[in-house]
């Protein structure tokens, strides 16, 4: 399984023309109106900006991924090893409906990849503007490489796999790519500590206060308070380092052998294996 988890796919890179729409309501997920110009990714602001330093991410679930559900890879690029991380929203008040900062704060993640049938070709990369609980998210394109689950292929049906170039996390205060490519690459290569979490859920509530039957999984045993409040810290300067589930067996962020979906038992949400590899591709 591990060899399959680390297979790099060829990048699919093209251009987007898009209209930015930041949701004013607290529980909207910041869905954006996109005008496609025959492409599949928007890079900041051109291919020359890419740093070549990537996070190669693989998430494997117990059953084939359901594109009607919602899958998140959350990153806190706070520049601090001790910064808060993202944790799942389990009960009301639901805020943005999928994640909040550890301790319930307004910080905890700065960027995220979202997979569902509302994203172009399944994947969308977003940057957080301000309080993450208010759903002010700006669409930043797509991962520089990705594979879409194929239910007819058992090798990919249960797997989400994508690459994020660290320069895709470098934006200005308005969420726009830096105009200076050299500066963007320099800042991307200087990124060190990142807080990470992986969250899957069947529904993103629109009503802040009313309880619903919401199923959730995240890093660790999501049925326990310790597991549901845990997240991973990685060191992005360690080229070639692989963080994976096997390395954290028995720890708070390790996935148990049994199905551990909070408030349910849907195997399409049950994260069973994951890996994050830090790669330098040029």
Foldseek 3Di string as FASTA:
>chain_A
DVVLQPDFDDFFFDDWDFDQDFDQAQQAQRQGGTDGPPGAWCDAPDPLLFLLKKKKKKFFFQFFAAQLWKKKKFKAQPLDLPAWAWFFQDWFLCQNQGIATQVRFQGHGFKMWMAHPSGRLGIWIWGDQGRVSRNGITTLTGARHWDDADPVDPSRRRMTIGMHGLLSSDDDNVSHRDPDSVVSSVVSLPRFKMKIKIKIKNDRDSHSHDTDQIKMDMFAQCQDPLLRSDIDIGTLNPAFDKDKLVVQVPHSRHADPDFRIHNDRDRSRGTHMMMIHTHRRD
